All heavy atoms as atom14 arrays in JSON, in Angstrom:
{
  "sequence": "MRDRSGDGSVDRVVARIRAGLTVVAAAVEDGTALCAGQHQPVGAVSE",
  "atom14_mask": [
    [1, 1, 1, 1, 1, 1, 1, 1, 0, 0, 0, 0, 0, 0],
    [1, 1, 1, 1, 1, 1, 1, 1, 1, 1, 1, 0, 0, 0],
    [1, 1, 1, 1, 1, 1, 1, 1, 0, 0, 0, 0, 0, 0],
    [1, 1, 1, 1, 1, 1, 1, 1, 1, 1, 1, 0, 0, 0],
    [1, 1, 1, 1, 1, 1, 0, 0, 0, 0, 0, 0, 0, 0],
    [1, 1, 1, 1, 0, 0, 0, 0, 0, 0, 0, 0, 0, 0],
    [1, 1, 1, 1, 1, 1, 1, 1, 0, 0, 0, 0, 0, 0],
    [1, 1, 1, 1, 0, 0, 0, 0, 0, 0, 0, 0, 0, 0],
    [1, 1, 1, 1, 1, 1, 0, 0, 0, 0, 0, 0, 0, 0],
    [1, 1, 1, 1, 1, 1, 1, 0, 0, 0, 0, 0, 0, 0],
    [1, 1, 1, 1, 1, 1, 1, 1, 0, 0, 0, 0, 0, 0],
    [1, 1, 1, 1, 1, 1, 1, 1, 1, 1, 1, 0, 0, 0],
    [1, 1, 1, 1, 1, 1, 1, 0, 0, 0, 0, 0, 0, 0],
    [1, 1, 1, 1, 1, 1, 1, 0, 0, 0, 0, 0, 0, 0],
    [1, 1, 1, 1, 1, 0, 0, 0, 0, 0, 0, 0, 0, 0],
    [1, 1, 1, 1, 1, 1, 1, 1, 1, 1, 1, 0, 0, 0],
    [1, 1, 1, 1, 1, 1, 1, 1, 0, 0, 0, 0, 0, 0],
    [1, 1, 1, 1, 1, 1, 1, 1, 1, 1, 1, 0, 0, 0],
    [1, 1, 1, 1, 1, 0, 0, 0, 0, 0, 0, 0, 0, 0],
    [1, 1, 1, 1, 0, 0, 0, 0, 0, 0, 0, 0, 0, 0],
    [1, 1, 1, 1, 1, 1, 1, 1, 0, 0, 0, 0, 0, 0],
    [1, 1, 1, 1, 1, 1, 1, 0, 0, 0, 0, 0, 0, 0],
    [1, 1, 1, 1, 1, 1, 1, 0, 0, 0, 0, 0, 0, 0],
    [1, 1, 1, 1, 1, 1, 1, 0, 0, 0, 0, 0, 0, 0],
    [1, 1, 1, 1, 1, 0, 0, 0, 0, 0, 0, 0, 0, 0],
    [1, 1, 1, 1, 1, 0, 0, 0, 0, 0, 0, 0, 0, 0],
    [1, 1, 1, 1, 1, 0, 0, 0, 0, 0, 0, 0, 0, 0],
    [1, 1, 1, 1, 1, 1, 1, 0, 0, 0, 0, 0, 0, 0],
    [1, 1, 1, 1, 1, 1, 1, 1, 1, 0, 0, 0, 0, 0],
    [1, 1, 1, 1, 1, 1, 1, 1, 0, 0, 0, 0, 0, 0],
    [1, 1, 1, 1, 0, 0, 0, 0, 0, 0, 0, 0, 0, 0],
    [1, 1, 1, 1, 1, 1, 1, 0, 0, 0, 0, 0, 0, 0],
    [1, 1, 1, 1, 1, 0, 0, 0, 0, 0, 0, 0, 0, 0],
    [1, 1, 1, 1, 1, 1, 1, 1, 0, 0, 0, 0, 0, 0],
    [1, 1, 1, 1, 1, 1, 0, 0, 0, 0, 0, 0, 0, 0],
    [1, 1, 1, 1, 1, 0, 0, 0, 0, 0, 0, 0, 0, 0],
    [1, 1, 1, 1, 0, 0, 0, 0, 0, 0, 0, 0, 0, 0],
    [1, 1, 1, 1, 1, 1, 1, 1, 1, 0, 0, 0, 0, 0],
    [1, 1, 1, 1, 1, 1, 1, 1, 1, 1, 0, 0, 0, 0],
    [1, 1, 1, 1, 1, 1, 1, 1, 1, 0, 0, 0, 0, 0],
    [1, 1, 1, 1, 1, 1, 1, 0, 0, 0, 0, 0, 0, 0],
    [1, 1, 1, 1, 1, 1, 1, 0, 0, 0, 0, 0, 0, 0],
    [1, 1, 1, 1, 0, 0, 0, 0, 0, 0, 0, 0, 0, 0],
    [1, 1, 1, 1, 1, 0, 0, 0, 0, 0, 0, 0, 0, 0],
    [1, 1, 1, 1, 1, 1, 1, 0, 0, 0, 0, 0, 0, 0],
    [1, 1, 1, 1, 1, 1, 0, 0, 0, 0, 0, 0, 0, 0],
    [1, 1, 1, 1, 1, 1, 1, 1, 1, 0, 0, 0, 0, 0]
  ],
  "atom14_positions": [
    [[19.28, 120.21, 87.75], [18.25, 119.06, 87.89], [17.26, 119.27, 86.83], [16.78, 118.23, 86.35], [17.59, 119.19, 89.28], [18.47, 118.78, 90.43], [19.21, 117.03, 90.33], [17.73, 116.08, 90.26], [0.0, 0.0, 0.0], [0.0, 0.0, 0.0], [0.0, 0.0, 0.0], [0.0, 0.0, 0.0], [0.0, 0.0, 0.0], [0.0, 0.0, 0.0]],
    [[16.88, 120.51, 86.49], [15.83, 120.63, 85.49], [16.35, 119.98, 84.19], [15.63, 119.36, 83.44], [15.59, 122.12, 85.27], [14.63, 122.64, 86.31], [14.21, 124.15, 86.01], [13.29, 124.59, 86.93], [13.55, 125.15, 88.06], [14.86, 125.41, 88.41], [12.65, 125.6, 88.93], [0.0, 0.0, 0.0], [0.0, 0.0, 0.0], [0.0, 0.0, 0.0]],
    [[17.59, 120.27, 83.8], [18.17, 119.71, 82.63], [18.16, 118.2, 82.59], [17.99, 117.55, 81.58], [19.56, 120.27, 82.29], [19.58, 121.77, 82.07], [18.54, 122.33, 81.59], [20.65, 122.39, 82.2], [0.0, 0.0, 0.0], [0.0, 0.0, 0.0], [0.0, 0.0, 0.0], [0.0, 0.0, 0.0], [0.0, 0.0, 0.0], [0.0, 0.0, 0.0]],
    [[18.53, 117.65, 83.79], [18.58, 116.14, 83.84], [17.25, 115.5, 83.71], [17.11, 114.43, 83.15], [19.27, 115.7, 85.19], [20.75, 115.93, 85.11], [21.33, 115.41, 86.43], [22.74, 115.42, 86.39], [23.47, 115.18, 87.45], [22.94, 114.78, 88.57], [24.81, 115.28, 87.34], [0.0, 0.0, 0.0], [0.0, 0.0, 0.0], [0.0, 0.0, 0.0]],
    [[16.25, 116.09, 84.41], [14.97, 115.42, 84.42], [14.27, 115.56, 83.02], [13.67, 114.59, 82.53], [14.0, 115.99, 85.49], [13.64, 117.23, 85.22], [0.0, 0.0, 0.0], [0.0, 0.0, 0.0], [0.0, 0.0, 0.0], [0.0, 0.0, 0.0], [0.0, 0.0, 0.0], [0.0, 0.0, 0.0], [0.0, 0.0, 0.0], [0.0, 0.0, 0.0]],
    [[14.27, 116.76, 82.51], [13.66, 116.96, 81.11], [12.2, 116.68, 80.99], [11.65, 116.84, 79.87], [0.0, 0.0, 0.0], [0.0, 0.0, 0.0], [0.0, 0.0, 0.0], [0.0, 0.0, 0.0], [0.0, 0.0, 0.0], [0.0, 0.0, 0.0], [0.0, 0.0, 0.0], [0.0, 0.0, 0.0], [0.0, 0.0, 0.0], [0.0, 0.0, 0.0]],
    [[11.56, 116.32, 82.06], [10.2, 115.88, 81.99], [9.21, 116.9, 82.7], [8.03, 116.65, 82.85], [9.92, 114.49, 82.48], [10.27, 114.28, 83.93], [10.69, 115.28, 84.55], [10.12, 113.16, 84.43], [0.0, 0.0, 0.0], [0.0, 0.0, 0.0], [0.0, 0.0, 0.0], [0.0, 0.0, 0.0], [0.0, 0.0, 0.0], [0.0, 0.0, 0.0]],
    [[9.78, 117.99, 83.32], [9.01, 118.93, 84.04], [8.7, 118.56, 85.47], [8.11, 119.31, 86.18], [0.0, 0.0, 0.0], [0.0, 0.0, 0.0], [0.0, 0.0, 0.0], [0.0, 0.0, 0.0], [0.0, 0.0, 0.0], [0.0, 0.0, 0.0], [0.0, 0.0, 0.0], [0.0, 0.0, 0.0], [0.0, 0.0, 0.0], [0.0, 0.0, 0.0]],
    [[9.26, 117.43, 85.89], [9.01, 117.03, 87.31], [9.58, 117.91, 88.32], [9.05, 118.12, 89.33], [9.52, 115.52, 87.51], [10.87, 115.46, 87.3], [0.0, 0.0, 0.0], [0.0, 0.0, 0.0], [0.0, 0.0, 0.0], [0.0, 0.0, 0.0], [0.0, 0.0, 0.0], [0.0, 0.0, 0.0], [0.0, 0.0, 0.0], [0.0, 0.0, 0.0]],
    [[10.76, 118.49, 88.06], [11.39, 119.45, 89.0], [10.51, 120.67, 89.1], [10.21, 121.11, 90.29], [12.84, 119.8, 88.55], [13.36, 120.92, 89.45], [13.67, 118.57, 88.65], [0.0, 0.0, 0.0], [0.0, 0.0, 0.0], [0.0, 0.0, 0.0], [0.0, 0.0, 0.0], [0.0, 0.0, 0.0], [0.0, 0.0, 0.0], [0.0, 0.0, 0.0]],
    [[10.0, 121.15, 88.05], [9.13, 122.35, 88.12], [7.83, 122.01, 88.87], [7.36, 122.89, 89.63], [8.76, 122.86, 86.73], [9.99, 123.42, 85.98], [10.84, 124.01, 86.69], [10.16, 123.27, 84.77], [0.0, 0.0, 0.0], [0.0, 0.0, 0.0], [0.0, 0.0, 0.0], [0.0, 0.0, 0.0], [0.0, 0.0, 0.0], [0.0, 0.0, 0.0]],
    [[7.3, 120.86, 88.64], [6.1, 120.39, 89.45], [6.32, 120.39, 90.94], [5.5, 120.8, 91.74], [5.51, 119.11, 88.89], [4.83, 119.23, 87.54], [4.07, 117.97, 87.2], [4.9, 116.82, 87.1], [5.61, 116.48, 86.0], [5.49, 117.23, 84.95], [6.3, 115.38, 85.94], [0.0, 0.0, 0.0], [0.0, 0.0, 0.0], [0.0, 0.0, 0.0]],
    [[7.52, 119.83, 91.35], [7.79, 119.72, 92.77], [8.01, 121.12, 93.36], [7.57, 121.48, 94.44], [9.04, 118.87, 92.99], [9.56, 118.99, 94.42], [8.66, 117.42, 92.67], [0.0, 0.0, 0.0], [0.0, 0.0, 0.0], [0.0, 0.0, 0.0], [0.0, 0.0, 0.0], [0.0, 0.0, 0.0], [0.0, 0.0, 0.0], [0.0, 0.0, 0.0]],
    [[8.7, 121.98, 92.64], [8.96, 123.4, 93.04], [7.64, 124.12, 93.26], [7.41, 124.77, 94.27], [9.88, 124.13, 92.15], [9.91, 125.63, 92.37], [11.3, 123.55, 92.16], [0.0, 0.0, 0.0], [0.0, 0.0, 0.0], [0.0, 0.0, 0.0], [0.0, 0.0, 0.0], [0.0, 0.0, 0.0], [0.0, 0.0, 0.0], [0.0, 0.0, 0.0]],
    [[6.76, 123.91, 92.37], [5.37, 124.56, 92.41], [4.61, 124.03, 93.71], [4.02, 124.82, 94.39], [4.63, 124.31, 91.18], [0.0, 0.0, 0.0], [0.0, 0.0, 0.0], [0.0, 0.0, 0.0], [0.0, 0.0, 0.0], [0.0, 0.0, 0.0], [0.0, 0.0, 0.0], [0.0, 0.0, 0.0], [0.0, 0.0, 0.0], [0.0, 0.0, 0.0]],
    [[4.69, 122.7, 93.96], [4.05, 122.12, 95.18], [4.69, 122.67, 96.43], [3.97, 123.05, 97.41], [4.24, 120.6, 95.18], [3.33, 119.96, 94.08], [3.37, 118.45, 94.27], [2.94, 117.98, 95.6], [1.72, 117.83, 96.01], [0.73, 118.16, 95.2], [1.46, 117.4, 97.29], [0.0, 0.0, 0.0], [0.0, 0.0, 0.0], [0.0, 0.0, 0.0]],
    [[6.01, 122.85, 96.5], [6.67, 123.46, 97.62], [6.26, 124.89, 97.8], [5.81, 125.27, 98.97], [8.25, 123.31, 97.5], [8.63, 121.79, 97.61], [8.89, 124.17, 98.62], [10.01, 121.59, 97.29], [0.0, 0.0, 0.0], [0.0, 0.0, 0.0], [0.0, 0.0, 0.0], [0.0, 0.0, 0.0], [0.0, 0.0, 0.0], [0.0, 0.0, 0.0]],
    [[6.22, 125.64, 96.77], [5.87, 127.09, 96.9], [4.41, 127.22, 97.3], [4.04, 128.15, 98.03], [6.09, 127.77, 95.56], [7.55, 128.0, 95.29], [7.77, 128.82, 94.07], [9.2, 129.15, 93.99], [9.84, 129.25, 92.78], [9.2, 129.16, 91.62], [11.1, 129.48, 92.77], [0.0, 0.0, 0.0], [0.0, 0.0, 0.0], [0.0, 0.0, 0.0]],
    [[3.55, 126.26, 96.87], [2.17, 126.32, 97.27], [1.84, 125.73, 98.65], [0.68, 125.82, 99.11], [1.38, 125.51, 96.18], [0.0, 0.0, 0.0], [0.0, 0.0, 0.0], [0.0, 0.0, 0.0], [0.0, 0.0, 0.0], [0.0, 0.0, 0.0], [0.0, 0.0, 0.0], [0.0, 0.0, 0.0], [0.0, 0.0, 0.0], [0.0, 0.0, 0.0]],
    [[2.89, 125.26, 99.29], [2.59, 124.63, 100.62], [2.06, 123.29, 100.62], [1.63, 122.78, 101.65], [0.0, 0.0, 0.0], [0.0, 0.0, 0.0], [0.0, 0.0, 0.0], [0.0, 0.0, 0.0], [0.0, 0.0, 0.0], [0.0, 0.0, 0.0], [0.0, 0.0, 0.0], [0.0, 0.0, 0.0], [0.0, 0.0, 0.0], [0.0, 0.0, 0.0]],
    [[2.03, 122.6, 99.46], [1.48, 121.27, 99.32], [2.48, 120.21, 99.65], [2.16, 119.06, 99.95], [0.96, 121.08, 97.9], [-0.2, 122.03, 97.48], [-0.5, 121.84, 96.0], [-1.37, 121.89, 98.34], [0.0, 0.0, 0.0], [0.0, 0.0, 0.0], [0.0, 0.0, 0.0], [0.0, 0.0, 0.0], [0.0, 0.0, 0.0], [0.0, 0.0, 0.0]],
    [[3.76, 120.54, 99.63], [4.89, 119.65, 100.0], [5.83, 120.47, 100.8], [6.16, 121.61, 100.53], [5.61, 119.15, 98.7], [4.68, 118.29, 97.91], [6.79, 118.24, 99.02], [0.0, 0.0, 0.0], [0.0, 0.0, 0.0], [0.0, 0.0, 0.0], [0.0, 0.0, 0.0], [0.0, 0.0, 0.0], [0.0, 0.0, 0.0], [0.0, 0.0, 0.0]],
    [[6.29, 119.84, 101.9], [7.28, 120.49, 102.76], [8.48, 119.51, 102.81], [8.28, 118.36, 103.08], [6.69, 120.68, 104.21], [7.73, 121.28, 105.09], [5.49, 121.62, 104.14], [0.0, 0.0, 0.0], [0.0, 0.0, 0.0], [0.0, 0.0, 0.0], [0.0, 0.0, 0.0], [0.0, 0.0, 0.0], [0.0, 0.0, 0.0], [0.0, 0.0, 0.0]],
    [[9.68, 120.03, 102.55], [10.9, 119.18, 102.49], [11.84, 119.5, 103.7], [11.9, 120.6, 104.07], [11.64, 119.45, 101.21], [12.89, 118.59, 101.13], [10.74, 119.09, 100.02], [0.0, 0.0, 0.0], [0.0, 0.0, 0.0], [0.0, 0.0, 0.0], [0.0, 0.0, 0.0], [0.0, 0.0, 0.0], [0.0, 0.0, 0.0], [0.0, 0.0, 0.0]],
    [[12.38, 118.45, 104.32], [13.41, 118.66, 105.36], [14.6, 117.78, 104.95], [14.44, 116.71, 104.27], [12.81, 118.17, 106.71], [0.0, 0.0, 0.0], [0.0, 0.0, 0.0], [0.0, 0.0, 0.0], [0.0, 0.0, 0.0], [0.0, 0.0, 0.0], [0.0, 0.0, 0.0], [0.0, 0.0, 0.0], [0.0, 0.0, 0.0], [0.0, 0.0, 0.0]],
    [[15.71, 118.21, 105.25], [16.98, 117.45, 104.91], [18.0, 117.62, 105.97], [18.15, 118.64, 106.71], [17.51, 117.89, 103.57], [0.0, 0.0, 0.0], [0.0, 0.0, 0.0], [0.0, 0.0, 0.0], [0.0, 0.0, 0.0], [0.0, 0.0, 0.0], [0.0, 0.0, 0.0], [0.0, 0.0, 0.0], [0.0, 0.0, 0.0], [0.0, 0.0, 0.0]],
    [[18.9, 116.62, 106.14], [20.11, 116.67, 106.96], [21.23, 116.91, 105.94], [21.44, 116.06, 105.07], [20.3, 115.41, 107.74], [0.0, 0.0, 0.0], [0.0, 0.0, 0.0], [0.0, 0.0, 0.0], [0.0, 0.0, 0.0], [0.0, 0.0, 0.0], [0.0, 0.0, 0.0], [0.0, 0.0, 0.0], [0.0, 0.0, 0.0], [0.0, 0.0, 0.0]],
    [[21.89, 118.06, 106.09], [22.92, 118.45, 105.17], [24.26, 118.55, 105.89], [24.3, 119.2, 106.96], [22.53, 119.75, 104.48], [23.64, 120.26, 103.51], [21.18, 119.63, 103.77], [0.0, 0.0, 0.0], [0.0, 0.0, 0.0], [0.0, 0.0, 0.0], [0.0, 0.0, 0.0], [0.0, 0.0, 0.0], [0.0, 0.0, 0.0], [0.0, 0.0, 0.0]],
    [[25.31, 118.04, 105.28], [26.68, 118.19, 105.79], [27.59, 118.5, 104.7], [27.64, 117.92, 103.67], [27.08, 116.82, 106.48], [28.43, 116.84, 107.1], [28.68, 115.45, 107.8], [29.13, 114.65, 107.14], [28.38, 115.4, 108.99], [0.0, 0.0, 0.0], [0.0, 0.0, 0.0], [0.0, 0.0, 0.0], [0.0, 0.0, 0.0], [0.0, 0.0, 0.0]],
    [[28.3, 119.58, 104.93], [29.35, 120.11, 103.88], [28.61, 120.28, 102.52], [29.24, 119.97, 101.52], [30.48, 119.14, 103.8], [31.33, 119.06, 105.07], [31.36, 120.07, 105.78], [31.79, 117.95, 105.37], [0.0, 0.0, 0.0], [0.0, 0.0, 0.0], [0.0, 0.0, 0.0], [0.0, 0.0, 0.0], [0.0, 0.0, 0.0], [0.0, 0.0, 0.0]],
    [[27.46, 120.84, 102.56], [26.68, 121.05, 101.27], [26.1, 119.88, 100.56], [25.52, 120.03, 99.54], [0.0, 0.0, 0.0], [0.0, 0.0, 0.0], [0.0, 0.0, 0.0], [0.0, 0.0, 0.0], [0.0, 0.0, 0.0], [0.0, 0.0, 0.0], [0.0, 0.0, 0.0], [0.0, 0.0, 0.0], [0.0, 0.0, 0.0], [0.0, 0.0, 0.0]],
    [[26.18, 118.69, 101.25], [25.56, 117.44, 100.64], [24.38, 117.03, 101.44], [24.48, 116.88, 102.72], [26.58, 116.33, 100.59], [27.67, 116.78, 99.78], [25.96, 115.07, 99.99], [0.0, 0.0, 0.0], [0.0, 0.0, 0.0], [0.0, 0.0, 0.0], [0.0, 0.0, 0.0], [0.0, 0.0, 0.0], [0.0, 0.0, 0.0], [0.0, 0.0, 0.0]],
    [[23.27, 116.86, 100.87], [22.06, 116.27, 101.57], [22.31, 114.76, 101.84], [22.52, 114.02, 100.85], [20.82, 116.47, 100.72], [0.0, 0.0, 0.0], [0.0, 0.0, 0.0], [0.0, 0.0, 0.0], [0.0, 0.0, 0.0], [0.0, 0.0, 0.0], [0.0, 0.0, 0.0], [0.0, 0.0, 0.0], [0.0, 0.0, 0.0], [0.0, 0.0, 0.0]],
    [[22.41, 114.46, 103.13], [22.67, 113.01, 103.52], [21.4, 112.32, 103.74], [21.29, 111.05, 103.53], [23.43, 113.06, 104.8], [24.79, 113.74, 104.78], [25.47, 113.65, 106.09], [25.71, 113.14, 103.71], [0.0, 0.0, 0.0], [0.0, 0.0, 0.0], [0.0, 0.0, 0.0], [0.0, 0.0, 0.0], [0.0, 0.0, 0.0], [0.0, 0.0, 0.0]],
    [[20.3, 112.99, 104.07], [19.03, 112.39, 104.26], [17.98, 113.4, 104.0], [18.14, 114.64, 104.26], [18.9, 111.96, 105.79], [17.32, 111.28, 106.28], [0.0, 0.0, 0.0], [0.0, 0.0, 0.0], [0.0, 0.0, 0.0], [0.0, 0.0, 0.0], [0.0, 0.0, 0.0], [0.0, 0.0, 0.0], [0.0, 0.0, 0.0], [0.0, 0.0, 0.0]],
    [[16.87, 113.01, 103.49], [15.82, 113.99, 103.16], [14.39, 113.28, 103.24], [14.37, 112.0, 103.11], [15.94, 114.6, 101.83], [0.0, 0.0, 0.0], [0.0, 0.0, 0.0], [0.0, 0.0, 0.0], [0.0, 0.0, 0.0], [0.0, 0.0, 0.0], [0.0, 0.0, 0.0], [0.0, 0.0, 0.0], [0.0, 0.0, 0.0], [0.0, 0.0, 0.0]],
    [[13.38, 114.07, 103.39], [12.03, 113.53, 103.3], [11.1, 114.68, 103.12], [11.52, 115.85, 103.08], [0.0, 0.0, 0.0], [0.0, 0.0, 0.0], [0.0, 0.0, 0.0], [0.0, 0.0, 0.0], [0.0, 0.0, 0.0], [0.0, 0.0, 0.0], [0.0, 0.0, 0.0], [0.0, 0.0, 0.0], [0.0, 0.0, 0.0], [0.0, 0.0, 0.0]],
    [[9.77, 114.37, 103.11], [8.79, 115.4, 102.94], [7.49, 115.03, 103.56], [7.31, 113.85, 103.92], [8.63, 115.7, 101.45], [8.34, 114.45, 100.57], [8.41, 114.87, 99.14], [7.5, 115.41, 98.64], [9.43, 114.31, 98.45], [0.0, 0.0, 0.0], [0.0, 0.0, 0.0], [0.0, 0.0, 0.0], [0.0, 0.0, 0.0], [0.0, 0.0, 0.0]],
    [[6.67, 116.02, 103.86], [5.3, 115.76, 104.24], [4.38, 116.46, 103.37], [4.71, 117.57, 102.77], [5.08, 115.94, 105.77], [4.94, 117.4, 106.21], [3.7, 118.04, 106.23], [5.82, 118.29, 106.63], [3.84, 119.25, 106.72], [5.16, 119.44, 107.01], [0.0, 0.0, 0.0], [0.0, 0.0, 0.0], [0.0, 0.0, 0.0], [0.0, 0.0, 0.0]],
    [[3.2, 115.95, 103.16], [2.11, 116.44, 102.24], [0.92, 116.84, 103.05], [0.01, 116.09, 103.2], [1.8, 115.32, 101.28], [2.86, 114.52, 100.72], [3.67, 115.27, 99.61], [3.11, 116.11, 98.95], [4.85, 114.9, 99.37], [0.0, 0.0, 0.0], [0.0, 0.0, 0.0], [0.0, 0.0, 0.0], [0.0, 0.0, 0.0], [0.0, 0.0, 0.0]],
    [[0.87, 118.1, 103.57], [-0.34, 118.52, 104.35], [-1.55, 118.81, 103.52], [-1.42, 119.37, 102.43], [0.15, 119.84, 105.05], [1.26, 120.33, 104.11], [1.89, 119.19, 103.46], [0.0, 0.0, 0.0], [0.0, 0.0, 0.0], [0.0, 0.0, 0.0], [0.0, 0.0, 0.0], [0.0, 0.0, 0.0], [0.0, 0.0, 0.0], [0.0, 0.0, 0.0]],
    [[-2.7, 118.18, 103.97], [-3.98, 118.51, 103.38], [-4.94, 118.74, 104.63], [-5.28, 117.78, 105.31], [-4.44, 117.3, 102.59], [-5.86, 117.61, 101.95], [-3.52, 117.0, 101.44], [0.0, 0.0, 0.0], [0.0, 0.0, 0.0], [0.0, 0.0, 0.0], [0.0, 0.0, 0.0], [0.0, 0.0, 0.0], [0.0, 0.0, 0.0], [0.0, 0.0, 0.0]],
    [[-5.3, 119.98, 104.84], [-6.07, 120.34, 106.02], [-5.39, 119.92, 107.33], [-4.23, 120.25, 107.54], [0.0, 0.0, 0.0], [0.0, 0.0, 0.0], [0.0, 0.0, 0.0], [0.0, 0.0, 0.0], [0.0, 0.0, 0.0], [0.0, 0.0, 0.0], [0.0, 0.0, 0.0], [0.0, 0.0, 0.0], [0.0, 0.0, 0.0], [0.0, 0.0, 0.0]],
    [[-6.07, 119.14, 108.07], [-5.53, 118.76, 109.4], [-4.82, 117.44, 109.36], [-4.52, 116.77, 110.42], [-6.67, 118.69, 110.42], [0.0, 0.0, 0.0], [0.0, 0.0, 0.0], [0.0, 0.0, 0.0], [0.0, 0.0, 0.0], [0.0, 0.0, 0.0], [0.0, 0.0, 0.0], [0.0, 0.0, 0.0], [0.0, 0.0, 0.0], [0.0, 0.0, 0.0]],
    [[-4.53, 116.94, 108.18], [-3.8, 115.65, 108.0], [-2.59, 115.82, 107.15], [-2.56, 116.63, 106.16], [-4.71, 114.58, 107.31], [-4.02, 113.29, 107.13], [-5.97, 114.43, 108.18], [0.0, 0.0, 0.0], [0.0, 0.0, 0.0], [0.0, 0.0, 0.0], [0.0, 0.0, 0.0], [0.0, 0.0, 0.0], [0.0, 0.0, 0.0], [0.0, 0.0, 0.0]],
    [[-1.53, 115.11, 107.43], [-0.33, 115.11, 106.54], [0.35, 113.7, 106.58], [0.37, 113.03, 107.62], [0.7, 116.18, 106.98], [1.75, 116.25, 106.01], [0.0, 0.0, 0.0], [0.0, 0.0, 0.0], [0.0, 0.0, 0.0], [0.0, 0.0, 0.0], [0.0, 0.0, 0.0], [0.0, 0.0, 0.0], [0.0, 0.0, 0.0], [0.0, 0.0, 0.0]],
    [[0.84, 113.36, 105.45], [1.58, 112.06, 105.31], [3.07, 112.44, 105.11], [3.44, 113.26, 104.34], [1.03, 111.34, 104.03], [1.83, 109.98, 103.88], [1.39, 109.19, 102.69], [0.64, 109.78, 101.78], [1.73, 108.03, 102.6], [0.0, 0.0, 0.0], [0.0, 0.0, 0.0], [0.0, 0.0, 0.0], [0.0, 0.0, 0.0], [0.0, 0.0, 0.0]]
  ]
}
């Protein structure tokens, strides 16, 4: 993915996940993500 994006966006998302600023969930079947989403917690609120 890093090679495909080439714009640093993957690294930015990874950094957000590691910092707890983005949380990702996915429904995976046979190694393929069929559905995914995320939430963005900020204090007592998350989108």
